[in-house]
Amino acid sequence: IENGMSESDIDTLIYPNAIQMIADISTMHDPTMRIITKKDMLSK
């Protein structure tokens, strides 16, 4: 929320998708694909 995400969407949209995003990235074989910045994550 402090980083600009909609508070009304946190429980059902933003937070679960953020968890899934981290899970998906962690399984990528190419180490360069497992690198992310705050700006990129918030944009996605």
All heavy atoms as atom14 arrays in JSON, in Angstrom:
{
  "sequence": "IENGMSESDIDTLIYPNAIQMIADISTMHDPTMRIITKKDMLSK",
  "atom14_mask": [
    [1, 1, 1, 1, 1, 1, 1, 1, 0, 0, 0, 0, 0, 0],
    [1, 1, 1, 1, 1, 1, 1, 1, 1, 0, 0, 0, 0, 0],
    [1, 1, 1, 1, 1, 1, 1, 1, 0, 0, 0, 0, 0, 0],
    [1, 1, 1, 1, 0, 0, 0, 0, 0, 0, 0, 0, 0, 0],
    [1, 1, 1, 1, 1, 1, 1, 1, 0, 0, 0, 0, 0, 0],
    [1, 1, 1, 1, 1, 1, 0, 0, 0, 0, 0, 0, 0, 0],
    [1, 1, 1, 1, 1, 1, 1, 1, 1, 0, 0, 0, 0, 0],
    [1, 1, 1, 1, 1, 1, 0, 0, 0, 0, 0, 0, 0, 0],
    [1, 1, 1, 1, 1, 1, 1, 1, 0, 0, 0, 0, 0, 0],
    [1, 1, 1, 1, 1, 1, 1, 1, 0, 0, 0, 0, 0, 0],
    [1, 1, 1, 1, 1, 1, 1, 1, 0, 0, 0, 0, 0, 0],
    [1, 1, 1, 1, 1, 1, 1, 0, 0, 0, 0, 0, 0, 0],
    [1, 1, 1, 1, 1, 1, 1, 1, 0, 0, 0, 0, 0, 0],
    [1, 1, 1, 1, 1, 1, 1, 1, 0, 0, 0, 0, 0, 0],
    [1, 1, 1, 1, 1, 1, 1, 1, 1, 1, 1, 1, 0, 0],
    [1, 1, 1, 1, 1, 1, 1, 0, 0, 0, 0, 0, 0, 0],
    [1, 1, 1, 1, 1, 1, 1, 1, 0, 0, 0, 0, 0, 0],
    [1, 1, 1, 1, 1, 0, 0, 0, 0, 0, 0, 0, 0, 0],
    [1, 1, 1, 1, 1, 1, 1, 1, 0, 0, 0, 0, 0, 0],
    [1, 1, 1, 1, 1, 1, 1, 1, 1, 0, 0, 0, 0, 0],
    [1, 1, 1, 1, 1, 1, 1, 1, 0, 0, 0, 0, 0, 0],
    [1, 1, 1, 1, 1, 1, 1, 1, 0, 0, 0, 0, 0, 0],
    [1, 1, 1, 1, 1, 0, 0, 0, 0, 0, 0, 0, 0, 0],
    [1, 1, 1, 1, 1, 1, 1, 1, 0, 0, 0, 0, 0, 0],
    [1, 1, 1, 1, 1, 1, 1, 1, 0, 0, 0, 0, 0, 0],
    [1, 1, 1, 1, 1, 1, 0, 0, 0, 0, 0, 0, 0, 0],
    [1, 1, 1, 1, 1, 1, 1, 0, 0, 0, 0, 0, 0, 0],
    [1, 1, 1, 1, 1, 1, 1, 1, 0, 0, 0, 0, 0, 0],
    [1, 1, 1, 1, 1, 1, 1, 1, 1, 1, 0, 0, 0, 0],
    [1, 1, 1, 1, 1, 1, 1, 1, 0, 0, 0, 0, 0, 0],
    [1, 1, 1, 1, 1, 1, 1, 0, 0, 0, 0, 0, 0, 0],
    [1, 1, 1, 1, 1, 1, 1, 0, 0, 0, 0, 0, 0, 0],
    [1, 1, 1, 1, 1, 1, 1, 1, 0, 0, 0, 0, 0, 0],
    [1, 1, 1, 1, 1, 1, 1, 1, 1, 1, 1, 0, 0, 0],
    [1, 1, 1, 1, 1, 1, 1, 1, 0, 0, 0, 0, 0, 0],
    [1, 1, 1, 1, 1, 1, 1, 1, 0, 0, 0, 0, 0, 0],
    [1, 1, 1, 1, 1, 1, 1, 0, 0, 0, 0, 0, 0, 0],
    [1, 1, 1, 1, 1, 1, 1, 1, 1, 0, 0, 0, 0, 0],
    [1, 1, 1, 1, 1, 1, 1, 1, 1, 0, 0, 0, 0, 0],
    [1, 1, 1, 1, 1, 1, 1, 1, 0, 0, 0, 0, 0, 0],
    [1, 1, 1, 1, 1, 1, 1, 1, 0, 0, 0, 0, 0, 0],
    [1, 1, 1, 1, 1, 1, 1, 1, 0, 0, 0, 0, 0, 0],
    [1, 1, 1, 1, 1, 1, 0, 0, 0, 0, 0, 0, 0, 0],
    [1, 1, 1, 1, 1, 1, 1, 1, 1, 0, 0, 0, 0, 0]
  ],
  "atom14_positions": [
    [[0.84, -1.21, 0.0], [0.0, 0.0, 0.0], [0.87, 1.25, 0.0], [0.62, 2.21, -0.75], [-0.95, -0.01, 1.22], [-1.93, -1.17, 1.1], [-1.71, 1.31, 1.31], [-2.74, -1.43, 2.37], [0.0, 0.0, 0.0], [0.0, 0.0, 0.0], [0.0, 0.0, 0.0], [0.0, 0.0, 0.0], [0.0, 0.0, 0.0], [0.0, 0.0, 0.0]],
    [[1.92, 1.25, 0.82], [2.83, 2.39, 0.88], [3.54, 2.63, -0.44], [3.96, 3.75, -0.74], [3.85, 2.19, 2.0], [3.25, 2.27, 3.39], [4.19, 1.77, 4.47], [5.32, 1.33, 4.11], [3.81, 1.81, 5.66], [0.0, 0.0, 0.0], [0.0, 0.0, 0.0], [0.0, 0.0, 0.0], [0.0, 0.0, 0.0], [0.0, 0.0, 0.0]],
    [[3.65, 1.57, -1.24], [4.29, 1.7, -2.55], [3.28, 1.95, -3.67], [3.59, 1.75, -4.85], [5.11, 0.44, -2.86], [6.48, 0.47, -2.22], [7.4, 1.07, -2.77], [6.62, -0.15, -1.06], [0.0, 0.0, 0.0], [0.0, 0.0, 0.0], [0.0, 0.0, 0.0], [0.0, 0.0, 0.0], [0.0, 0.0, 0.0], [0.0, 0.0, 0.0]],
    [[2.06, 2.37, -3.3], [1.11, 2.84, -4.3], [0.08, 1.84, -4.76], [-0.74, 2.16, -5.63], [0.0, 0.0, 0.0], [0.0, 0.0, 0.0], [0.0, 0.0, 0.0], [0.0, 0.0, 0.0], [0.0, 0.0, 0.0], [0.0, 0.0, 0.0], [0.0, 0.0, 0.0], [0.0, 0.0, 0.0], [0.0, 0.0, 0.0], [0.0, 0.0, 0.0]],
    [[0.06, 0.64, -4.19], [-0.93, -0.34, -4.59], [-2.28, -0.04, -3.94], [-2.34, 0.44, -2.8], [-0.49, -1.76, -4.21], [0.79, -2.23, -4.88], [0.66, -2.45, -6.68], [1.43, -0.94, -7.26], [0.0, 0.0, 0.0], [0.0, 0.0, 0.0], [0.0, 0.0, 0.0], [0.0, 0.0, 0.0], [0.0, 0.0, 0.0], [0.0, 0.0, 0.0]],
    [[-3.37, -0.34, -4.66], [-4.73, -0.06, -4.18], [-5.05, -0.91, -2.95], [-4.98, -2.14, -3.01], [-5.75, -0.35, -5.28], [-7.06, -0.32, -4.77], [0.0, 0.0, 0.0], [0.0, 0.0, 0.0], [0.0, 0.0, 0.0], [0.0, 0.0, 0.0], [0.0, 0.0, 0.0], [0.0, 0.0, 0.0], [0.0, 0.0, 0.0], [0.0, 0.0, 0.0]],
    [[-5.41, -0.25, -1.85], [-5.7, -0.97, -0.62], [-6.88, -1.92, -0.78], [-6.89, -3.02, -0.21], [-5.98, 0.03, 0.51], [-6.19, -0.62, 1.86], [-6.26, 0.38, 3.0], [-6.1, 1.59, 2.74], [-6.47, -0.06, 4.15], [0.0, 0.0, 0.0], [0.0, 0.0, 0.0], [0.0, 0.0, 0.0], [0.0, 0.0, 0.0], [0.0, 0.0, 0.0]],
    [[-7.86, -1.55, -1.58], [-9.06, -2.38, -1.75], [-8.75, -3.67, -2.52], [-9.51, -4.64, -2.44], [-10.15, -1.6, -2.48], [-9.71, -1.22, -3.79], [0.0, 0.0, 0.0], [0.0, 0.0, 0.0], [0.0, 0.0, 0.0], [0.0, 0.0, 0.0], [0.0, 0.0, 0.0], [0.0, 0.0, 0.0], [0.0, 0.0, 0.0], [0.0, 0.0, 0.0]],
    [[-7.64, -3.7, -3.26], [-7.28, -4.88, -4.06], [-6.19, -5.73, -3.42], [-5.8, -6.76, -3.98], [-6.79, -4.45, -5.45], [-7.91, -3.88, -6.31], [-9.06, -4.27, -6.09], [-7.61, -3.05, -7.2], [0.0, 0.0, 0.0], [0.0, 0.0, 0.0], [0.0, 0.0, 0.0], [0.0, 0.0, 0.0], [0.0, 0.0, 0.0], [0.0, 0.0, 0.0]],
    [[-5.7, -5.32, -2.25], [-4.55, -6.0, -1.67], [-4.83, -7.48, -1.4], [-4.09, -8.36, -1.83], [-4.11, -5.3, -0.36], [-3.45, -3.96, -0.66], [-3.14, -6.19, 0.44], [-2.16, -4.05, -1.44], [0.0, 0.0, 0.0], [0.0, 0.0, 0.0], [0.0, 0.0, 0.0], [0.0, 0.0, 0.0], [0.0, 0.0, 0.0], [0.0, 0.0, 0.0]],
    [[-5.91, -7.79, -0.68], [-6.2, -9.16, -0.26], [-6.44, -10.12, -1.42], [-5.97, -11.25, -1.42], [-7.41, -9.19, 0.67], [-7.05, -8.84, 2.1], [-5.85, -8.82, 2.41], [-7.96, -8.58, 2.89], [0.0, 0.0, 0.0], [0.0, 0.0, 0.0], [0.0, 0.0, 0.0], [0.0, 0.0, 0.0], [0.0, 0.0, 0.0], [0.0, 0.0, 0.0]],
    [[-7.2, -9.66, -2.42], [-7.69, -10.59, -3.45], [-6.94, -10.5, -4.78], [-7.07, -11.41, -5.6], [-9.19, -10.34, -3.72], [-9.37, -8.98, -4.14], [-10.01, -10.6, -2.48], [0.0, 0.0, 0.0], [0.0, 0.0, 0.0], [0.0, 0.0, 0.0], [0.0, 0.0, 0.0], [0.0, 0.0, 0.0], [0.0, 0.0, 0.0], [0.0, 0.0, 0.0]],
    [[-6.16, -9.47, -4.98], [-5.51, -9.31, -6.29], [-4.01, -9.05, -6.16], [-3.2, -9.84, -6.64], [-6.17, -8.16, -7.06], [-5.83, -8.06, -8.56], [-6.31, -9.31, -9.29], [-6.47, -6.82, -9.17], [0.0, 0.0, 0.0], [0.0, 0.0, 0.0], [0.0, 0.0, 0.0], [0.0, 0.0, 0.0], [0.0, 0.0, 0.0], [0.0, 0.0, 0.0]],
    [[-3.64, -7.97, -5.49], [-2.24, -7.55, -5.48], [-1.35, -8.52, -4.71], [-0.35, -9.03, -5.24], [-2.1, -6.13, -4.88], [-2.93, -5.12, -5.68], [-0.63, -5.71, -4.85], [-2.54, -4.99, -7.13], [0.0, 0.0, 0.0], [0.0, 0.0, 0.0], [0.0, 0.0, 0.0], [0.0, 0.0, 0.0], [0.0, 0.0, 0.0], [0.0, 0.0, 0.0]],
    [[-1.7, -8.79, -3.46], [-0.83, -9.63, -2.62], [-0.71, -11.07, -3.15], [0.42, -11.57, -3.31], [-1.31, -9.63, -1.17], [-0.58, -10.62, -0.3], [0.76, -10.43, 0.03], [-1.22, -11.76, 0.18], [1.44, -11.35, 0.8], [-0.54, -12.69, 0.96], [0.79, -12.47, 1.27], [1.46, -13.39, 2.03], [0.0, 0.0, 0.0], [0.0, 0.0, 0.0]],
    [[-1.82, -11.77, -3.46], [-1.65, -13.14, -3.97], [-0.87, -13.2, -5.28], [-0.09, -14.13, -5.51], [-3.08, -13.66, -4.13], [-3.94, -12.45, -4.1], [-3.24, -11.42, -3.28], [0.0, 0.0, 0.0], [0.0, 0.0, 0.0], [0.0, 0.0, 0.0], [0.0, 0.0, 0.0], [0.0, 0.0, 0.0], [0.0, 0.0, 0.0], [0.0, 0.0, 0.0]],
    [[-1.07, -12.21, -6.14], [-0.32, -12.21, -7.4], [1.15, -11.89, -7.17], [2.01, -12.37, -7.91], [-0.94, -11.21, -8.38], [-2.12, -11.8, -9.12], [-1.98, -12.72, -9.91], [-3.31, -11.29, -8.86], [0.0, 0.0, 0.0], [0.0, 0.0, 0.0], [0.0, 0.0, 0.0], [0.0, 0.0, 0.0], [0.0, 0.0, 0.0], [0.0, 0.0, 0.0]],
    [[1.45, -11.08, -6.16], [2.85, -10.8, -5.83], [3.53, -12.08, -5.34], [4.68, -12.38, -5.73], [2.92, -9.71, -4.77], [0.0, 0.0, 0.0], [0.0, 0.0, 0.0], [0.0, 0.0, 0.0], [0.0, 0.0, 0.0], [0.0, 0.0, 0.0], [0.0, 0.0, 0.0], [0.0, 0.0, 0.0], [0.0, 0.0, 0.0], [0.0, 0.0, 0.0]],
    [[2.85, -12.84, -4.49], [3.39, -14.11, -4.02], [3.62, -15.06, -5.2], [4.66, -15.7, -5.32], [2.43, -14.77, -2.99], [2.44, -13.99, -1.67], [2.79, -16.24, -2.76], [3.74, -14.1, -0.91], [0.0, 0.0, 0.0], [0.0, 0.0, 0.0], [0.0, 0.0, 0.0], [0.0, 0.0, 0.0], [0.0, 0.0, 0.0], [0.0, 0.0, 0.0]],
    [[2.64, -15.13, -6.1], [2.77, -16.01, -7.26], [3.9, -15.55, -8.17], [4.62, -16.38, -8.74], [1.45, -16.05, -8.04], [1.43, -17.08, -9.16], [1.68, -18.48, -8.64], [1.12, -18.88, -7.63], [2.53, -19.23, -9.32], [0.0, 0.0, 0.0], [0.0, 0.0, 0.0], [0.0, 0.0, 0.0], [0.0, 0.0, 0.0], [0.0, 0.0, 0.0]],
    [[4.09, -14.25, -8.31], [5.17, -13.72, -9.13], [6.53, -14.17, -8.6], [7.4, -14.62, -9.35], [5.1, -12.19, -9.17], [6.05, -11.55, -10.16], [5.99, -9.74, -10.09], [4.28, -9.44, -10.58], [0.0, 0.0, 0.0], [0.0, 0.0, 0.0], [0.0, 0.0, 0.0], [0.0, 0.0, 0.0], [0.0, 0.0, 0.0], [0.0, 0.0, 0.0]],
    [[6.69, -14.08, -7.27], [7.95, -14.52, -6.67], [8.14, -16.02, -6.88], [9.24, -16.48, -7.22], [7.96, -14.2, -5.16], [7.83, -12.69, -4.91], [9.22, -14.74, -4.5], [8.93, -11.86, -5.52], [0.0, 0.0, 0.0], [0.0, 0.0, 0.0], [0.0, 0.0, 0.0], [0.0, 0.0, 0.0], [0.0, 0.0, 0.0], [0.0, 0.0, 0.0]],
    [[7.08, -16.8, -6.69], [7.16, -18.25, -6.89], [7.56, -18.59, -8.32], [8.39, -19.47, -8.56], [5.83, -18.9, -6.53], [0.0, 0.0, 0.0], [0.0, 0.0, 0.0], [0.0, 0.0, 0.0], [0.0, 0.0, 0.0], [0.0, 0.0, 0.0], [0.0, 0.0, 0.0], [0.0, 0.0, 0.0], [0.0, 0.0, 0.0], [0.0, 0.0, 0.0]],
    [[6.95, -17.91, -9.29], [7.25, -18.17, -10.7], [8.69, -17.83, -11.04], [9.39, -18.59, -11.72], [6.3, -17.36, -11.6], [4.87, -17.87, -11.57], [4.66, -19.03, -11.17], [3.96, -17.09, -11.93], [0.0, 0.0, 0.0], [0.0, 0.0, 0.0], [0.0, 0.0, 0.0], [0.0, 0.0, 0.0], [0.0, 0.0, 0.0], [0.0, 0.0, 0.0]],
    [[9.17, -16.69, -10.56], [10.53, -16.27, -10.84], [11.53, -17.24, -10.23], [12.56, -17.57, -10.84], [10.78, -14.84, -10.32], [9.92, -13.82, -11.08], [12.26, -14.46, -10.44], [9.97, -12.42, -10.51], [0.0, 0.0, 0.0], [0.0, 0.0, 0.0], [0.0, 0.0, 0.0], [0.0, 0.0, 0.0], [0.0, 0.0, 0.0], [0.0, 0.0, 0.0]],
    [[11.22, -17.74, -9.04], [12.17, -18.62, -8.32], [12.42, -19.93, -9.05], [13.43, -20.59, -8.79], [11.66, -18.89, -6.91], [10.52, -19.74, -6.92], [0.0, 0.0, 0.0], [0.0, 0.0, 0.0], [0.0, 0.0, 0.0], [0.0, 0.0, 0.0], [0.0, 0.0, 0.0], [0.0, 0.0, 0.0], [0.0, 0.0, 0.0], [0.0, 0.0, 0.0]],
    [[11.51, -20.34, -9.94], [11.65, -21.62, -10.64], [12.32, -21.5, -12.0], [12.54, -22.51, -12.67], [10.28, -22.29, -10.82], [9.43, -21.44, -11.6], [9.62, -22.55, -9.47], [0.0, 0.0, 0.0], [0.0, 0.0, 0.0], [0.0, 0.0, 0.0], [0.0, 0.0, 0.0], [0.0, 0.0, 0.0], [0.0, 0.0, 0.0], [0.0, 0.0, 0.0]],
    [[12.64, -20.29, -12.42], [13.27, -20.11, -13.73], [14.71, -20.63, -13.71], [15.46, -20.37, -12.76], [13.24, -18.64, -14.13], [11.83, -18.11, -14.38], [11.81, -16.37, -14.89], [10.04, -16.13, -15.17], [0.0, 0.0, 0.0], [0.0, 0.0, 0.0], [0.0, 0.0, 0.0], [0.0, 0.0, 0.0], [0.0, 0.0, 0.0], [0.0, 0.0, 0.0]],
    [[15.09, -21.35, -14.75], [16.41, -21.98, -14.79], [17.53, -20.97, -15.04], [18.62, -21.1, -14.49], [16.44, -23.07, -15.87], [15.5, -24.21, -15.6], [15.67, -25.07, -14.53], [14.37, -24.61, -16.24], [14.71, -25.97, -14.53], [13.9, -25.72, -15.55], [0.0, 0.0, 0.0], [0.0, 0.0, 0.0], [0.0, 0.0, 0.0], [0.0, 0.0, 0.0]],
    [[17.26, -19.97, -15.85], [18.28, -18.97, -16.19], [18.41, -17.98, -15.03], [17.47, -17.26, -14.71], [17.86, -18.24, -17.46], [18.9, -17.24, -17.94], [19.87, -16.97, -17.2], [18.76, -16.73, -19.07], [0.0, 0.0, 0.0], [0.0, 0.0, 0.0], [0.0, 0.0, 0.0], [0.0, 0.0, 0.0], [0.0, 0.0, 0.0], [0.0, 0.0, 0.0]],
    [[19.6, -17.91, -14.39], [19.78, -17.0, -13.26], [19.47, -15.53, -13.59], [19.0, -14.78, -12.73], [21.25, -17.16, -12.9], [21.62, -18.52, -13.41], [20.8, -18.71, -14.65], [0.0, 0.0, 0.0], [0.0, 0.0, 0.0], [0.0, 0.0, 0.0], [0.0, 0.0, 0.0], [0.0, 0.0, 0.0], [0.0, 0.0, 0.0], [0.0, 0.0, 0.0]],
    [[19.71, -15.13, -14.83], [19.45, -13.74, -15.2], [17.96, -13.42, -15.21], [17.56, -12.26, -15.1], [20.04, -13.42, -16.6], [19.39, -14.23, -17.59], [21.53, -13.69, -16.61], [0.0, 0.0, 0.0], [0.0, 0.0, 0.0], [0.0, 0.0, 0.0], [0.0, 0.0, 0.0], [0.0, 0.0, 0.0], [0.0, 0.0, 0.0], [0.0, 0.0, 0.0]],
    [[17.12, -14.48, -15.35], [15.67, -14.29, -15.35], [15.11, -14.24, -13.93], [13.93, -13.97, -13.74], [14.98, -15.4, -16.14], [15.39, -15.46, -17.6], [14.95, -13.96, -18.5], [13.16, -14.1, -18.52], [0.0, 0.0, 0.0], [0.0, 0.0, 0.0], [0.0, 0.0, 0.0], [0.0, 0.0, 0.0], [0.0, 0.0, 0.0], [0.0, 0.0, 0.0]],
    [[15.96, -14.52, -12.95], [15.52, -14.49, -11.56], [15.89, -13.18, -10.86], [15.95, -13.11, -9.64], [16.1, -15.69, -10.79], [15.65, -17.04, -11.32], [15.85, -18.15, -10.3], [17.24, -18.28, -9.89], [18.14, -19.05, -10.47], [17.78, -19.76, -11.55], [19.37, -19.14, -10.03], [0.0, 0.0, 0.0], [0.0, 0.0, 0.0], [0.0, 0.0, 0.0]],
    [[16.17, -12.17, -11.65], [16.53, -10.85, -11.12], [15.39, -9.88, -11.38], [14.86, -9.82, -12.5], [17.83, -10.33, -11.75], [18.99, -11.26, -11.39], [18.13, -8.91, -11.27], [20.3, -10.93, -12.09], [0.0, 0.0, 0.0], [0.0, 0.0, 0.0], [0.0, 0.0, 0.0], [0.0, 0.0, 0.0], [0.0, 0.0, 0.0], [0.0, 0.0, 0.0]],
    [[15.01, -9.12, -10.37], [13.91, -8.17, -10.51], [14.21, -6.91, -9.71], [15.01, -6.94, -8.76], [12.57, -8.81, -10.04], [11.38, -7.98, -10.5], [12.56, -9.03, -8.53], [10.04, -8.67, -10.33], [0.0, 0.0, 0.0], [0.0, 0.0, 0.0], [0.0, 0.0, 0.0], [0.0, 0.0, 0.0], [0.0, 0.0, 0.0], [0.0, 0.0, 0.0]],
    [[13.61, -5.81, -10.1], [13.71, -4.56, -9.34], [12.34, -4.2, -8.79], [11.31, -4.72, -9.26], [14.22, -3.4, -10.22], [13.24, -3.13, -11.24], [15.56, -3.74, -10.87], [0.0, 0.0, 0.0], [0.0, 0.0, 0.0], [0.0, 0.0, 0.0], [0.0, 0.0, 0.0], [0.0, 0.0, 0.0], [0.0, 0.0, 0.0], [0.0, 0.0, 0.0]],
    [[12.32, -3.31, -7.82], [11.04, -2.89, -7.25], [10.17, -2.24, -8.33], [8.97, -2.52, -8.41], [11.28, -1.9, -6.1], [9.98, -1.32, -5.54], [10.2, -0.66, -4.19], [11.01, 0.6, -4.28], [11.04, 1.32, -2.97], [0.0, 0.0, 0.0], [0.0, 0.0, 0.0], [0.0, 0.0, 0.0], [0.0, 0.0, 0.0], [0.0, 0.0, 0.0]],
    [[10.75, -1.42, -9.16], [9.99, -0.73, -10.21], [9.32, -1.72, -11.15], [8.13, -1.58, -11.48], [10.92, 0.19, -11.0], [10.22, 0.99, -12.09], [11.21, 1.89, -12.82], [10.53, 2.67, -13.93], [11.5, 3.54, -14.66], [0.0, 0.0, 0.0], [0.0, 0.0, 0.0], [0.0, 0.0, 0.0], [0.0, 0.0, 0.0], [0.0, 0.0, 0.0]],
    [[10.06, -2.74, -11.57], [9.5, -3.74, -12.49], [8.36, -4.51, -11.84], [7.32, -4.76, -12.47], [10.59, -4.72, -12.94], [11.57, -4.1, -13.91], [11.23, -3.04, -14.48], [12.66, -4.65, -14.1], [0.0, 0.0, 0.0], [0.0, 0.0, 0.0], [0.0, 0.0, 0.0], [0.0, 0.0, 0.0], [0.0, 0.0, 0.0], [0.0, 0.0, 0.0]],
    [[8.55, -4.91, -10.59], [7.52, -5.7, -9.92], [6.23, -4.9, -9.74], [5.13, -5.39, -10.03], [8.0, -6.2, -8.56], [7.03, -7.2, -7.93], [7.41, -7.57, -6.21], [6.85, -6.05, -5.44], [0.0, 0.0, 0.0], [0.0, 0.0, 0.0], [0.0, 0.0, 0.0], [0.0, 0.0, 0.0], [0.0, 0.0, 0.0], [0.0, 0.0, 0.0]],
    [[6.35, -3.66, -9.28], [5.17, -2.84, -9.07], [4.45, -2.56, -10.38], [3.22, -2.54, -10.45], [5.55, -1.52, -8.39], [6.08, -1.65, -6.95], [6.55, -0.29, -6.44], [5.01, -2.23, -6.03], [0.0, 0.0, 0.0], [0.0, 0.0, 0.0], [0.0, 0.0, 0.0], [0.0, 0.0, 0.0], [0.0, 0.0, 0.0], [0.0, 0.0, 0.0]],
    [[5.22, -2.36, -11.45], [4.62, -2.12, -12.77], [3.82, -3.33, -13.23], [2.69, -3.2, -13.73], [5.72, -1.8, -13.78], [5.19, -1.67, -15.08], [0.0, 0.0, 0.0], [0.0, 0.0, 0.0], [0.0, 0.0, 0.0], [0.0, 0.0, 0.0], [0.0, 0.0, 0.0], [0.0, 0.0, 0.0], [0.0, 0.0, 0.0], [0.0, 0.0, 0.0]],
    [[4.36, -4.53, -13.05], [3.66, -5.75, -13.45], [2.41, -5.98, -12.62], [1.37, -6.4, -13.14], [4.6, -6.95, -13.33], [5.71, -6.96, -14.37], [6.67, -8.12, -14.15], [7.79, -8.09, -15.18], [8.77, -9.18, -14.95], [0.0, 0.0, 0.0], [0.0, 0.0, 0.0], [0.0, 0.0, 0.0], [0.0, 0.0, 0.0], [0.0, 0.0, 0.0]]
  ]
}
